[in-house]
Amino acid sequence: MTVPVVLIQSRLIADGSPYCIAEHAENSPVKALHELRGFAFYTTKTGYKTTSAWYFHGLLVVDHPEEQRIYNWSPRRWRFDRIAEPDRLIKSVRNVCTPD
């Protein structure tokens, strides 16, 4: 059930702009649909250590015409939530995948 929700939300948020979906690790784009299933698209890390060292579940990176926007998958809410200030994080979220 997670796969269609993730795919539909990704397309709606991107609204025709290039986008990619990834895990929160450098160069780790999702390459197959099974990677979006339930706990496969979920981090087992312990949350956050400080106010700027977060661990995200799955990430959606969208190259909107105005700016690049990054969203975190919320398994509790079953939606992508925009990350307000992605450049303030210690572990980068901009290098996880390249929108196309």
C-alpha atoms as a PDB file:
ATOM      1  CA  MET A   1       0.000   0.000   0.000  1.00  0.00           C
ATOM      2  CA  THR A   2       2.907   2.395   0.632  1.00  0.00           C
ATOM      3  CA  VAL A   3       4.211   2.243  -2.947  1.00  0.00           C
ATOM      4  CA  PRO A   4       1.207   3.846  -4.698  1.00  0.00           C
ATOM      5  CA  VAL A   5       0.865   6.514  -1.997  1.00  0.00           C
ATOM      6  CA  VAL A   6       4.548   7.481  -2.295  1.00  0.00           C
ATOM      7  CA  LEU A   7       4.391   7.562  -6.098  1.00  0.00           C
ATOM      8  CA  ILE A   8       1.162   9.571  -6.272  1.00  0.00           C
ATOM      9  CA  GLN A   9       2.345  12.099  -3.689  1.00  0.00           C
ATOM     10  CA  SER A  10       5.707  12.463  -5.430  1.00  0.00           C
ATOM     11  CA  ARG A  11       4.070  13.299  -8.742  1.00  0.00           C
ATOM     12  CA  LEU A  12       1.588  15.697  -7.142  1.00  0.00           C
ATOM     13  CA  ILE A  13       4.286  17.562  -5.205  1.00  0.00           C
ATOM     14  CA  ALA A  14       6.637  17.729  -8.196  1.00  0.00           C
ATOM     15  CA  ASP A  15       3.827  19.042 -10.419  1.00  0.00           C
ATOM     16  CA  GLY A  16       5.786  18.325 -13.588  1.00  0.00           C
ATOM     17  CA  SER A  17       9.190  19.374 -12.214  1.00  0.00           C
ATOM     18  CA  PRO A  18      12.110  16.905 -12.189  1.00  0.00           C
ATOM     19  CA  TYR A  19      12.266  14.838  -8.997  1.00  0.00           C
ATOM     20  CA  CYS A  20      13.865  11.804  -7.416  1.00  0.00           C
ATOM     21  CA  ILE A  21      13.195   9.622  -4.387  1.00  0.00           C
ATOM     22  CA  ALA A  22      16.021   8.365  -2.174  1.00  0.00           C
ATOM     23  CA  GLU A  23      17.099   6.984   1.162  1.00  0.00           C
ATOM     24  CA  HIS A  24      18.913   9.379   3.515  1.00  0.00           C
ATOM     25  CA  ALA A  25      22.437   8.463   2.457  1.00  0.00           C
ATOM     26  CA  GLU A  26      24.803   9.924  -0.123  1.00  0.00           C
ATOM     27  CA  ASN A  27      24.012   8.776  -3.678  1.00  0.00           C
ATOM     28  CA  SER A  28      21.215   6.377  -2.704  1.00  0.00           C
ATOM     29  CA  PRO A  29      18.307   6.883  -5.111  1.00  0.00           C
ATOM     30  CA  VAL A  30      15.441   4.424  -5.027  1.00  0.00           C
ATOM     31  CA  LYS A  31      15.907   2.224  -8.092  1.00  0.00           C
ATOM     32  CA  ALA A  32      13.044  -0.273  -7.738  1.00  0.00           C
ATOM     33  CA  LEU A  33       9.462  -0.147  -6.502  1.00  0.00           C
ATOM     34  CA  HIS A  34      10.078  -2.740  -3.774  1.00  0.00           C
ATOM     35  CA  GLU A  35      12.379  -0.194  -2.072  1.00  0.00           C
ATOM     36  CA  LEU A  36       9.282   1.933  -1.332  1.00  0.00           C
ATOM     37  CA  ARG A  37       7.418  -0.800   0.553  1.00  0.00           C
ATOM     38  CA  GLY A  38       6.622  -0.300   4.236  1.00  0.00           C
ATOM     39  CA  PHE A  39       9.718  -0.737   6.369  1.00  0.00           C
ATOM     40  CA  ALA A  40      12.050  -0.687   3.360  1.00  0.00           C
ATOM     41  CA  PHE A  41      11.286   3.065   3.116  1.00  0.00           C
ATOM     42  CA  TYR A  42      11.860   3.616   6.833  1.00  0.00           C
ATOM     43  CA  THR A  43      14.965   4.390   8.866  1.00  0.00           C
ATOM     44  CA  THR A  44      15.922   2.297  11.864  1.00  0.00           C
ATOM     45  CA  LYS A  45      18.263   4.972  13.184  1.00  0.00           C
ATOM     46  CA  THR A  46      17.435   6.588  16.497  1.00  0.00           C
ATOM     47  CA  GLY A  47      15.918   9.880  15.363  1.00  0.00           C
ATOM     48  CA  TYR A  48      18.002  12.933  16.058  1.00  0.00           C
ATOM     49  CA  LYS A  49      21.092  13.575  18.147  1.00  0.00           C
ATOM     50  CA  THR A  50      20.996  17.381  18.114  1.00  0.00           C
ATOM     51  CA  THR A  51      18.794  19.993  16.504  1.00  0.00           C
ATOM     52  CA  SER A  52      20.679  19.686  13.208  1.00  0.00           C
ATOM     53  CA  ALA A  53      21.556  15.968  13.006  1.00  0.00           C
ATOM     54  CA  TRP A  54      18.353  14.314  11.839  1.00  0.00           C
ATOM     55  CA  TYR A  55      17.855  10.901  10.292  1.00  0.00           C
ATOM     56  CA  PHE A  56      15.106  10.903   7.678  1.00  0.00           C
ATOM     57  CA  HIS A  57      13.067   7.979   6.397  1.00  0.00           C
ATOM     58  CA  GLY A  58      12.795   8.552   2.667  1.00  0.00           C
ATOM     59  CA  LEU A  59      13.490  11.774   0.814  1.00  0.00           C
ATOM     60  CA  LEU A  60      11.856  13.437  -2.165  1.00  0.00           C
ATOM     61  CA  VAL A  61      14.058  15.975  -3.972  1.00  0.00           C
ATOM     62  CA  VAL A  62      12.230  18.267  -6.412  1.00  0.00           C
ATOM     63  CA  ASP A  63      13.787  20.831  -8.752  1.00  0.00           C
ATOM     64  CA  HIS A  64      10.930  23.349  -8.704  1.00  0.00           C
ATOM     65  CA  PRO A  65      11.406  26.325 -11.064  1.00  0.00           C
ATOM     66  CA  GLU A  66      11.987  28.668  -8.097  1.00  0.00           C
ATOM     67  CA  GLU A  67      14.283  26.442  -6.033  1.00  0.00           C
ATOM     68  CA  GLN A  68      15.149  22.885  -5.107  1.00  0.00           C
ATOM     69  CA  ARG A  69      12.847  21.611  -2.361  1.00  0.00           C
ATOM     70  CA  ILE A  70      13.354  18.548  -0.203  1.00  0.00           C
ATOM     71  CA  TYR A  71      10.677  16.528   1.565  1.00  0.00           C
ATOM     72  CA  ASN A  72      10.820  13.784   4.200  1.00  0.00           C
ATOM     73  CA  TRP A  73       8.482  10.787   4.107  1.00  0.00           C
ATOM     74  CA  SER A  74       6.362  10.568   7.256  1.00  0.00           C
ATOM     75  CA  PRO A  75       5.280   6.945   7.839  1.00  0.00           C
ATOM     76  CA  ARG A  76       2.965   8.105  10.623  1.00  0.00           C
ATOM     77  CA  ARG A  77       1.122  10.590   8.396  1.00  0.00           C
ATOM     78  CA  TRP A  78       1.654   8.733   5.088  1.00  0.00           C
ATOM     79  CA  ARG A  79       2.847  11.865   3.333  1.00  0.00           C
ATOM     80  CA  PHE A  80       5.908  13.878   2.396  1.00  0.00           C
ATOM     81  CA  ASP A  81       6.595  16.879   4.651  1.00  0.00           C
ATOM     82  CA  ARG A  82       8.781  19.707   3.394  1.00  0.00           C
ATOM     83  CA  ILE A  83      12.109  20.141   5.181  1.00  0.00           C
ATOM     84  CA  ALA A  84      12.197  23.831   6.064  1.00  0.00           C
ATOM     85  CA  GLU A  85      15.949  24.504   6.115  1.00  0.00           C
ATOM     86  CA  PRO A  86      17.764  21.560   4.514  1.00  0.00           C
ATOM     87  CA  ASP A  87      21.124  23.357   4.326  1.00  0.00           C
ATOM     88  CA  ARG A  88      21.337  23.688   8.118  1.00  0.00           C
ATOM     89  CA  LEU A  89      21.530  19.934   8.636  1.00  0.00           C
ATOM     90  CA  ILE A  90      24.838  18.238   9.449  1.00  0.00           C
ATOM     91  CA  LYS A  91      24.132  15.228   7.206  1.00  0.00           C
ATOM     92  CA  SER A  92      23.349  16.608   3.763  1.00  0.00           C
ATOM     93  CA  VAL A  93      20.046  15.822   2.111  1.00  0.00           C
ATOM     94  CA  ARG A  94      20.964  17.421  -1.224  1.00  0.00           C
ATOM     95  CA  ASN A  95      23.397  14.701  -2.323  1.00  0.00           C
ATOM     96  CA  VAL A  96      21.050  11.716  -2.044  1.00  0.00           C
ATOM     97  CA  CYS A  97      19.894  11.690  -5.684  1.00  0.00           C
ATOM     98  CA  THR A  98      19.719  13.800  -8.850  1.00  0.00           C
ATOM     99  CA  PRO A  99      16.237  14.834 -10.041  1.00  0.00           C
ATOM    100  CA  ASP A 100      15.448  13.934 -13.646  1.00  0.00           C
END
